[in-house]
Amino acid sequence: MAASKKGFDKEYIFNLIMPTAGEEQPPEEEEEIPSPIPQEPVPEEEPDSLALLRARVNQPTFSAAVQLPATKKNLVLVNLMEQLVADRLDSVFEKFNCCRCDKCRQDVAAMALNALPARYVVAQPEELPALLEEAPTKDIAGALVKAILYVKNHPKH
């Protein structure tokens, strides 16, 4: 088929993008046969920083306060908005006639937190109450009301 002036050669473009597509693949390596002579165990290498990061990311966190690595001071990483939403969640549920099961409570909290900006701080545990007092709270009630009305009209159970 003749290529038009405006057309392009698809095979040529494909070979530019995938240069190994037209070449022969190297022969597969043969399996190594284990020797009957016992070998010394290979000492395990210390995990690199990427392996440590993957291990930390894959570990679930069960509390709002995440403990940082041991330092001179006992510091915690906290999302202040998460604490403020959790503190006000019960009072909002009292004002609205809706389901109070754990699923609905978690849905309301998640929707409210998604609507609010995160406010992460690193502080000592005894400093947290003062930081919670200083945090801006004007948008929290509105986000909770919107979330509870949505969950009330669209329950997931």
Protein backbone atom coordinates (compact mmCIF):
# COMPACT_ATOMS: atom_id res chain seq x y z
CA MET A 1 0.00 0.00 0.00
CA ALA A 2 1.42 3.40 -0.94
CA ALA A 3 1.84 5.88 1.84
CA SER A 4 0.21 9.25 1.35
CA LYS A 5 2.11 12.50 1.84
CA LYS A 6 0.28 13.16 5.10
CA GLY A 7 0.62 9.56 6.34
CA PHE A 8 3.56 8.10 8.16
CA ASP A 9 5.29 4.76 8.25
CA LYS A 10 3.91 2.97 11.31
CA GLU A 11 6.60 0.29 11.27
CA TYR A 12 9.36 2.88 11.17
CA ILE A 13 7.86 4.79 14.09
CA PHE A 14 7.33 1.56 16.05
CA ASN A 15 10.97 0.56 15.51
CA LEU A 16 12.08 4.00 16.69
CA ILE A 17 10.04 3.67 19.85
CA MET A 18 10.76 -0.01 20.46
CA PRO A 19 14.28 -0.62 19.05
CA THR A 20 14.48 -4.18 20.39
CA ALA A 21 11.23 -5.30 18.73
CA GLY A 22 12.88 -6.19 15.41
CA GLU A 23 16.01 -7.77 16.89
CA GLU A 24 16.36 -11.37 17.89
CA GLN A 25 16.14 -12.06 21.59
CA PRO A 26 19.29 -13.52 23.21
CA PRO A 27 19.05 -17.22 24.07
CA GLU A 28 17.75 -17.94 27.54
CA GLU A 29 20.33 -18.83 30.15
CA GLU A 30 20.40 -22.40 31.34
CA GLU A 31 19.34 -23.16 34.90
CA GLU A 32 22.12 -23.47 37.38
CA ILE A 33 22.36 -26.96 38.84
CA PRO A 34 22.82 -26.90 42.61
CA SER A 35 26.04 -28.49 43.73
CA PRO A 36 25.91 -31.33 46.26
CA ILE A 37 28.68 -29.66 48.28
CA PRO A 38 27.25 -27.45 51.01
CA GLN A 39 28.17 -23.83 50.53
CA GLU A 40 28.74 -21.25 53.23
CA PRO A 41 25.67 -19.14 53.88
CA VAL A 42 25.80 -15.77 52.23
CA PRO A 43 25.73 -13.04 54.87
CA GLU A 44 22.63 -10.92 54.59
CA GLU A 45 23.29 -7.38 53.48
CA GLU A 46 21.90 -4.57 55.53
CA PRO A 47 18.75 -3.25 53.90
CA ASP A 48 19.24 -0.10 51.88
CA SER A 49 17.25 3.05 52.48
CA LEU A 50 14.73 2.16 49.76
CA ALA A 51 13.97 -1.19 51.41
CA LEU A 52 13.56 0.53 54.78
CA LEU A 53 11.22 3.10 53.25
CA ARG A 54 9.12 0.38 51.63
CA ALA A 55 8.90 -1.46 54.94
CA ARG A 56 7.76 1.72 56.71
CA VAL A 57 5.19 2.53 54.03
CA ASN A 58 3.73 -0.97 54.08
CA GLN A 59 3.34 -0.99 57.86
CA PRO A 60 -0.15 0.12 58.87
CA THR A 61 -0.48 2.96 61.35
CA PHE A 62 -3.11 2.49 64.03
CA SER A 63 -3.16 5.86 65.74
CA ALA A 64 -3.36 9.48 64.74
CA ALA A 65 0.04 10.19 66.27
CA VAL A 66 2.91 8.54 64.41
CA GLN A 67 6.05 8.04 66.44
CA LEU A 68 9.14 9.38 64.67
CA PRO A 69 12.48 7.58 65.00
CA ALA A 70 14.04 7.81 68.44
CA THR A 71 15.62 11.19 69.01
CA LYS A 72 16.67 13.21 72.02
CA LYS A 73 13.14 14.60 72.28
CA ASN A 74 10.02 12.46 72.05
CA LEU A 75 8.33 14.04 69.01
CA VAL A 76 5.13 12.97 67.27
CA LEU A 77 3.74 13.75 63.82
CA VAL A 78 0.06 14.71 64.01
CA ASN A 79 -2.57 16.04 61.63
CA LEU A 80 -4.33 18.64 63.79
CA MET A 81 -7.42 18.58 61.55
CA GLU A 82 -7.85 14.86 62.17
CA GLN A 83 -7.83 15.44 65.92
CA LEU A 84 -10.23 18.40 65.66
CA VAL A 85 -12.69 16.45 63.48
CA ALA A 86 -12.57 13.47 65.84
CA ASP A 87 -13.25 15.76 68.82
CA ARG A 88 -16.31 17.36 67.18
CA LEU A 89 -17.73 14.24 65.51
CA ASP A 90 -19.89 13.14 68.46
CA SER A 91 -21.49 16.55 68.94
CA VAL A 92 -22.45 16.75 65.26
CA PHE A 93 -23.98 13.25 65.33
CA GLU A 94 -26.10 14.28 68.33
CA LYS A 95 -27.64 17.14 66.33
CA PHE A 96 -28.61 15.03 63.30
CA ASN A 97 -30.91 12.02 63.24
CA CYS A 98 -28.85 9.52 61.28
CA CYS A 99 -27.12 6.17 61.63
CA ARG A 100 -24.27 6.15 64.17
CA CYS A 101 -22.61 2.89 63.15
CA ASP A 102 -18.82 2.78 62.78
CA LYS A 103 -19.04 2.71 58.97
CA CYS A 104 -21.11 5.89 58.82
CA ARG A 105 -18.94 7.63 61.42
CA GLN A 106 -15.79 6.79 59.47
CA ASP A 107 -17.38 7.90 56.19
CA VAL A 108 -18.35 11.26 57.72
CA ALA A 109 -14.88 11.76 59.17
CA ALA A 110 -13.20 10.84 55.87
CA MET A 111 -15.41 13.16 53.82
CA ALA A 112 -14.88 16.04 56.24
CA LEU A 113 -11.11 15.53 56.28
CA ASN A 114 -11.01 15.43 52.48
CA ALA A 115 -12.77 18.80 52.39
CA LEU A 116 -10.40 20.37 54.93
CA PRO A 117 -6.74 21.30 54.43
CA ALA A 118 -4.28 19.11 56.30
CA ARG A 119 -2.44 20.76 59.21
CA TYR A 120 0.49 18.50 60.10
CA VAL A 121 2.76 19.43 62.99
CA VAL A 122 5.74 17.83 64.67
CA ALA A 123 5.68 18.46 68.40
CA GLN A 124 6.09 16.90 71.79
CA PRO A 125 2.94 15.15 73.07
CA GLU A 126 2.49 17.65 75.90
CA GLU A 127 2.42 20.53 73.37
CA LEU A 128 -0.49 19.10 71.37
CA PRO A 129 -3.39 20.52 73.45
CA ALA A 130 -2.03 24.06 73.04
CA LEU A 131 -1.58 23.55 69.29
CA LEU A 132 -5.15 22.21 69.00
CA GLU A 133 -6.45 25.33 70.78
CA GLU A 134 -4.59 27.62 68.34
CA ALA A 135 -5.63 25.76 65.16
CA PRO A 136 -8.24 27.45 62.95
CA THR A 137 -11.61 25.73 63.40
CA LYS A 138 -14.06 27.85 61.41
CA ASP A 139 -14.38 25.42 58.46
CA ILE A 140 -14.60 22.21 60.51
CA ALA A 141 -18.29 22.50 61.45
CA GLY A 142 -19.32 23.23 57.86
CA ALA A 143 -17.33 20.29 56.49
CA LEU A 144 -18.81 17.96 59.13
CA VAL A 145 -22.39 19.10 58.39
CA LYS A 146 -21.94 18.63 54.63
CA ALA A 147 -20.39 15.19 55.18
CA ILE A 148 -23.07 14.01 57.60
CA LEU A 149 -25.90 15.16 55.31
CA TYR A 150 -24.33 13.33 52.37
CA VAL A 151 -23.80 10.12 54.34
CA LYS A 152 -27.32 10.36 55.74
CA ASN A 153 -28.76 10.50 52.21
CA HIS A 154 -26.30 7.97 50.72
CA PRO A 155 -25.44 5.35 53.38
CA LYS A 156 -23.07 2.57 52.30
CA HIS A 157 -24.92 -0.16 54.20
